[in-house]
Protein backbone atom coordinates (compact mmCIF):
# COMPACT_ATOMS: atom_id res chain seq x y z
CA MET A 1 6.21 14.53 -3.12
CA PHE A 2 2.80 14.31 -4.72
CA SER A 3 1.56 16.36 -7.65
CA GLU A 4 -1.40 18.67 -7.10
CA ASP A 5 -1.67 18.99 -10.88
CA LEU A 6 -3.03 15.48 -11.41
CA THR A 7 -5.95 14.01 -9.50
CA MET A 8 -5.58 10.26 -9.23
CA LEU A 9 -8.77 9.56 -7.23
CA GLU A 10 -11.92 11.66 -7.28
CA ILE A 11 -14.95 10.77 -5.19
CA LYS A 12 -18.07 12.84 -5.87
CA THR A 13 -21.03 12.89 -3.45
CA VAL A 14 -20.90 9.14 -2.77
CA SER A 15 -23.60 7.75 -0.47
CA LYS A 16 -24.32 4.28 0.83
CA THR A 17 -27.11 3.05 3.11
CA PHE A 18 -27.22 -0.54 4.31
CA ALA A 19 -30.54 -2.26 5.11
CA ALA A 20 -32.42 0.79 3.82
CA ARG A 21 -35.95 1.36 5.12
CA THR A 22 -35.60 -1.25 7.83
CA VAL A 23 -35.09 -1.02 11.59
CA ASN A 24 -31.45 -1.92 10.93
CA GLU A 25 -30.83 0.94 8.49
CA VAL A 26 -27.29 2.33 8.58
CA ARG A 27 -26.38 5.43 6.59
CA ALA A 28 -22.72 4.54 6.26
CA LEU A 29 -21.66 7.21 3.74
CA ARG A 30 -23.37 10.58 3.34
CA ASN A 31 -22.42 12.49 0.19
CA VAL A 32 -18.69 11.98 0.60
CA SER A 33 -16.55 14.02 -1.79
CA LEU A 34 -12.77 13.83 -1.89
CA GLN A 35 -9.95 14.42 -4.36
CA ILE A 36 -6.60 12.68 -3.91
CA PRO A 37 -3.66 13.96 -6.00
CA GLU A 38 -1.27 11.53 -7.64
CA GLY A 39 1.39 10.38 -5.20
CA CYS A 40 -0.45 11.54 -2.09
CA PHE A 41 -0.54 9.27 0.97
CA THR A 42 -3.82 9.95 2.78
CA ALA A 43 -4.68 8.61 6.22
CA VAL A 44 -8.36 8.19 7.10
CA ILE A 45 -9.23 8.29 10.80
CA GLY A 46 -12.45 8.29 12.81
CA THR A 47 -14.35 6.46 15.52
CA ASN A 48 -15.88 3.01 15.03
CA GLY A 49 -18.79 3.29 12.63
CA SER A 50 -17.59 6.58 11.16
CA GLY A 51 -17.44 5.16 7.62
CA LYS A 52 -13.67 4.72 7.22
CA SER A 53 -13.59 1.12 6.04
CA THR A 54 -16.88 1.55 4.19
CA LEU A 55 -15.23 4.28 2.12
CA LEU A 56 -12.33 1.99 1.21
CA ASN A 57 -14.77 -0.81 0.34
CA ALA A 58 -16.72 1.57 -1.88
CA ILE A 59 -13.55 2.49 -3.74
CA ALA A 60 -12.50 -1.17 -4.05
CA GLY A 61 -15.93 -2.16 -5.38
CA SER A 62 -16.96 -4.47 -2.54
CA PHE A 63 -20.52 -3.17 -3.03
CA GLU A 64 -22.37 -0.75 -5.29
CA THR A 65 -22.88 2.74 -3.96
CA ASP A 66 -26.35 4.27 -3.89
CA ARG A 67 -25.28 7.42 -5.70
CA GLY A 68 -22.25 9.47 -6.61
CA THR A 69 -19.26 8.71 -8.83
CA ILE A 70 -15.76 7.33 -8.31
CA MET A 71 -13.05 8.30 -10.79
CA LEU A 72 -9.63 6.64 -10.77
CA ASN A 73 -6.82 7.74 -13.07
CA GLY A 74 -9.36 9.59 -15.22
CA GLN A 75 -11.68 6.58 -15.59
CA ASP A 76 -15.18 6.30 -14.16
CA ILE A 77 -15.04 3.05 -12.17
CA THR A 78 -18.32 3.58 -10.30
CA ARG A 79 -20.01 0.54 -11.85
CA TRP A 80 -16.93 -1.59 -12.37
CA PRO A 81 -17.00 -4.94 -10.54
CA GLU A 82 -14.43 -5.53 -7.84
CA HIS A 83 -12.26 -7.89 -9.91
CA ARG A 84 -11.93 -5.30 -12.67
CA ARG A 85 -10.96 -2.57 -10.22
CA ALA A 86 -8.32 -4.91 -8.81
CA GLN A 87 -6.36 -4.38 -12.04
CA LEU A 88 -5.77 -0.79 -10.89
CA ILE A 89 -5.99 -1.13 -7.09
CA GLY A 90 -3.69 -2.90 -4.66
CA ARG A 91 -5.10 -3.74 -1.25
CA VAL A 92 -3.80 -4.92 2.12
CA PHE A 93 -6.29 -6.03 4.79
CA GLN A 94 -6.13 -6.04 8.57
CA ASP A 95 -5.82 -9.84 8.67
CA PRO A 96 -2.25 -10.83 7.68
CA TYR A 97 -3.65 -14.09 6.33
CA ALA A 98 -6.17 -12.52 3.96
CA GLY A 99 -3.88 -11.58 1.08
CA SER A 100 -2.00 -14.80 0.39
CA ALA A 101 -2.41 -18.55 -0.11
CA ALA A 102 -1.18 -20.31 3.05
CA GLY A 103 -0.29 -23.63 1.45
CA MET A 104 1.78 -22.13 -1.34
CA SER A 105 5.41 -21.09 -0.97
CA VAL A 106 6.61 -17.53 -0.58
CA ALA A 107 7.93 -17.60 -4.16
CA GLU A 108 4.67 -19.00 -5.58
CA ASN A 109 2.58 -16.36 -3.82
CA ILE A 110 4.76 -13.56 -5.15
CA ALA A 111 4.83 -15.10 -8.63
CA MET A 112 1.03 -14.89 -8.70
CA ALA A 113 1.28 -11.18 -7.90
CA MET A 114 3.90 -10.73 -10.63
CA ARG A 115 1.64 -12.41 -13.20
CA ARG A 116 -1.53 -10.54 -12.28
CA GLY A 117 -3.40 -9.51 -15.42
CA LYS A 118 -1.34 -11.82 -17.65
CA THR A 119 -2.39 -15.01 -19.40
CA TRP A 120 -2.17 -17.96 -17.01
CA SER A 121 -1.28 -21.56 -17.68
CA LEU A 122 -1.68 -24.60 -15.44
CA ARG A 123 2.07 -24.54 -14.87
CA MET A 124 2.77 -22.96 -11.48
CA ALA A 125 6.56 -23.35 -11.50
CA VAL A 126 8.52 -20.20 -10.71
CA THR A 127 11.15 -19.55 -13.35
CA ALA A 128 14.80 -19.00 -12.44
CA LYS A 129 14.53 -15.39 -13.65
CA GLU A 130 11.45 -14.78 -11.51
CA ARG A 131 13.14 -16.35 -8.49
CA ARG A 132 16.13 -14.02 -8.81
CA GLU A 133 13.86 -10.98 -9.07
CA ILE A 134 11.77 -12.16 -6.12
CA ALA A 135 14.83 -12.75 -3.92
CA ASP A 136 16.21 -9.33 -4.79
CA ARG A 137 13.03 -7.47 -3.91
CA VAL A 138 12.23 -9.55 -0.84
CA SER A 139 15.71 -8.82 0.55
CA VAL A 140 14.74 -5.14 0.79
CA LEU A 141 12.36 -6.08 3.62
CA LYS A 142 15.41 -7.02 5.73
CA MET A 143 13.65 -10.00 7.29
CA GLY A 144 15.82 -12.76 5.83
CA LEU A 145 12.88 -14.04 3.80
CA GLU A 146 14.93 -14.22 0.61
CA ASP A 147 16.40 -17.40 2.12
CA ARG A 148 12.94 -18.87 2.78
CA LEU A 149 11.33 -18.60 -0.64
CA ASN A 150 10.44 -22.31 -0.69
CA ASN A 151 8.72 -22.18 2.71
CA PRO A 152 4.90 -22.21 2.81
CA ILE A 153 3.86 -18.63 3.46
CA GLY A 154 1.41 -19.94 6.08
CA ASN A 155 4.35 -20.92 8.30
CA LEU A 156 5.53 -17.34 8.65
CA SER A 157 4.68 -14.93 11.44
CA GLY A 158 1.89 -12.39 10.99
CA GLY A 159 4.38 -9.56 10.57
CA GLN A 160 6.42 -11.43 7.97
CA ARG A 161 3.29 -12.39 6.07
CA GLN A 162 1.92 -8.85 6.14
CA ALA A 163 5.24 -7.51 4.82
CA LEU A 164 5.05 -9.93 1.90
CA THR A 165 1.38 -9.10 1.29
CA LEU A 166 2.32 -5.42 1.12
CA LEU A 167 5.11 -6.24 -1.34
CA MET A 168 2.71 -8.28 -3.49
CA ALA A 169 0.04 -5.56 -3.46
CA THR A 170 2.55 -3.03 -4.77
CA TRP A 171 4.61 -5.28 -7.07
CA LEU A 172 3.01 -3.98 -10.27
CA ARG A 173 2.76 -0.39 -8.97
CA PRO A 174 -1.03 0.01 -8.70
CA LYS A 175 -2.72 3.30 -9.46
CA LEU A 176 -4.08 3.25 -5.90
CA LEU A 177 -3.05 1.36 -2.78
CA LEU A 178 -5.68 0.75 -0.10
CA LEU A 179 -4.53 -0.13 3.42
CA ASP A 180 -7.33 -1.16 5.78
CA GLU A 181 -5.90 -1.07 9.33
CA HIS A 182 -3.08 -3.26 8.03
CA THR A 183 -1.05 -3.13 11.26
CA ALA A 184 -3.93 -3.45 13.74
CA ALA A 185 -3.68 -7.24 14.18
CA LEU A 186 0.08 -7.22 14.78
CA ASP A 187 2.06 -6.90 17.99
CA PRO A 188 3.56 -3.41 18.57
CA LYS A 189 7.05 -4.33 17.33
CA SER A 190 5.76 -5.98 14.15
CA GLY A 191 3.27 -3.17 13.61
CA ALA A 192 6.03 -0.56 13.80
CA LYS A 193 8.13 -2.61 11.36
CA ILE A 194 5.27 -2.85 8.84
CA ALA A 195 4.53 0.87 9.22
CA GLY A 196 8.13 1.65 8.34
CA ILE A 197 8.09 -0.68 5.33
CA THR A 198 4.81 0.89 4.22
CA LYS A 199 6.25 4.39 4.24
CA GLU A 200 9.41 3.25 2.47
CA ILE A 201 7.57 1.46 -0.36
CA ILE A 202 5.04 4.25 -0.92
CA SER A 203 7.77 6.88 -0.96
CA LYS A 204 10.11 4.90 -3.21
CA GLU A 205 7.41 3.95 -5.73
CA LYS A 206 5.64 7.35 -5.47
CA LEU A 207 2.33 5.58 -4.95
CA THR A 208 -1.06 7.11 -4.34
CA ALA A 209 -2.37 5.51 -1.15
CA MET A 210 -5.23 5.62 1.35
CA MET A 211 -4.76 4.13 4.81
CA VAL A 212 -7.53 3.56 7.33
CA THR A 213 -6.05 3.52 10.81
CA HIS A 214 -7.00 3.83 14.46
CA SER A 215 -3.45 4.90 15.23
CA MET A 216 -3.30 8.68 15.25
CA GLN A 217 0.48 8.42 15.63
CA GLN A 218 0.69 6.48 12.37
CA ALA A 219 -1.57 9.02 10.69
CA VAL A 220 0.72 11.84 11.77
CA ASP A 221 4.01 10.05 11.05
CA LEU A 222 3.28 8.31 7.74
CA SER A 223 0.83 10.36 5.70
CA ASP A 224 0.84 13.54 3.62
CA ARG A 225 -2.79 14.24 4.52
CA ILE A 226 -5.24 13.27 7.24
CA VAL A 227 -9.00 12.99 6.68
CA MET A 228 -11.26 12.59 9.71
CA MET A 229 -14.67 10.96 9.29
CA HIS A 230 -17.69 11.02 11.57
CA ARG A 231 -21.10 9.43 10.95
CA GLY A 232 -20.43 8.85 7.29
CA GLN A 233 -19.06 12.30 6.50
CA ILE A 234 -15.68 13.97 6.21
CA VAL A 235 -15.53 16.51 9.04
CA GLU A 236 -11.83 17.46 9.01
CA ASP A 237 -9.24 17.56 6.23
CA TYR A 238 -5.68 18.30 7.34
CA ARG A 239 -3.45 18.96 4.35
CA ASP A 240 -0.46 21.01 3.19
CA GLU A 241 1.02 23.15 5.96
CA MET A 242 -1.82 22.33 8.34
CA LYS A 243 -0.99 18.61 8.08
CA TYR A 244 2.65 19.12 8.94
CA ARG A 245 1.77 21.22 11.97
CA ILE A 246 -0.76 18.74 13.32
CA ARG A 247 0.15 16.54 16.29
CA VAL A 248 -1.57 13.64 18.04
CA PRO A 249 -2.95 15.86 20.87
CA ASP A 250 -4.56 18.07 18.21
CA LEU A 251 -6.35 15.06 16.72
CA ILE A 252 -7.49 13.92 20.16
CA MET A 253 -8.94 17.37 20.78
CA ALA A 254 -10.78 17.21 17.46
CA PHE A 255 -12.35 13.89 18.48
CA GLU A 256 -13.31 15.32 21.85
CA ARG A 257 -14.97 18.33 20.21
CA LEU A 258 -17.15 16.03 18.14
CA GLN A 259 -18.18 14.08 21.20
CA LYS A 260 -18.66 17.06 23.49
CA LEU A 261 -20.49 19.38 21.13
CA ASP A 262 -22.33 16.62 19.26
CA LEU A 263 -22.40 18.85 16.22
CA PHE A 264 -23.05 15.97 13.89
CA ASP A 265 -26.13 14.35 15.35
CA SER A 266 -28.59 12.91 12.86
CA THR A 267 -30.56 16.14 12.50
CA VAL A 268 -27.55 18.29 11.67
CA ALA A 269 -26.12 15.60 9.40
CA ASP A 270 -29.37 15.58 7.43
CA VAL A 271 -29.17 19.35 6.99
CA LEU A 272 -25.56 19.15 5.82
CA GLU A 273 -26.40 16.36 3.42
CA GLN A 274 -29.12 18.40 1.74
CA GLN A 275 -26.51 20.97 0.72
CA TYR A 276 -25.09 18.44 -1.76
CA VAL A 277 -28.27 16.91 -3.15
């Protein structure tokens, strides 16, 4: 259970426009404000182009925001470069092959995650102590990968590789875990397996996490809170008792209301945005 007493992530009126003042201008984030308590698992949903992944990229430092502030664990990280934020943030991407080195063994990949932030040498050998720790923690995945530590990670299936990437991203217990549609590229069986592992790790380690997903079922089943975005803004925030009463048909109806009523066309969005300037 998360603690409402401590805010781990605080986003204040963050905005981002790409290709500003051109015919290709995209106002991807419009004065987004959000507070995430320590230990809270938040799912972010929305249609394509709603700003979900842009929000995660803004937090990770993939680009500089136009305005607003981002606080993580009490520190203002708004102008920190991405590599510095990576000391506090773990991240798993949609592509199972994005978070690991294909030509290196399972053990070597995990050893790199174990040594993150420590002084490196040219010696890549995994120590006997590290190997025992790796085998022990990998066995929790229940995929038999503890017996394949010497195998190149690139030879594994997408689901196996994504499970290991998730383990590596959380090995040092990051202050924030970002999951960007991390099951979307997997087959249904593998996706369900990774979803279960995700929930287990986050619950066991009491991590603060944000997950972008197109799966409303995952949002309902895995998270403590659901945030819905539309045209760069947060339009729904299901939390506390409301979150635990919400069901997939309710979320579908919310999407349909946005489409049918078109409450957030560009004119209305501009009016709403001015309330926070």
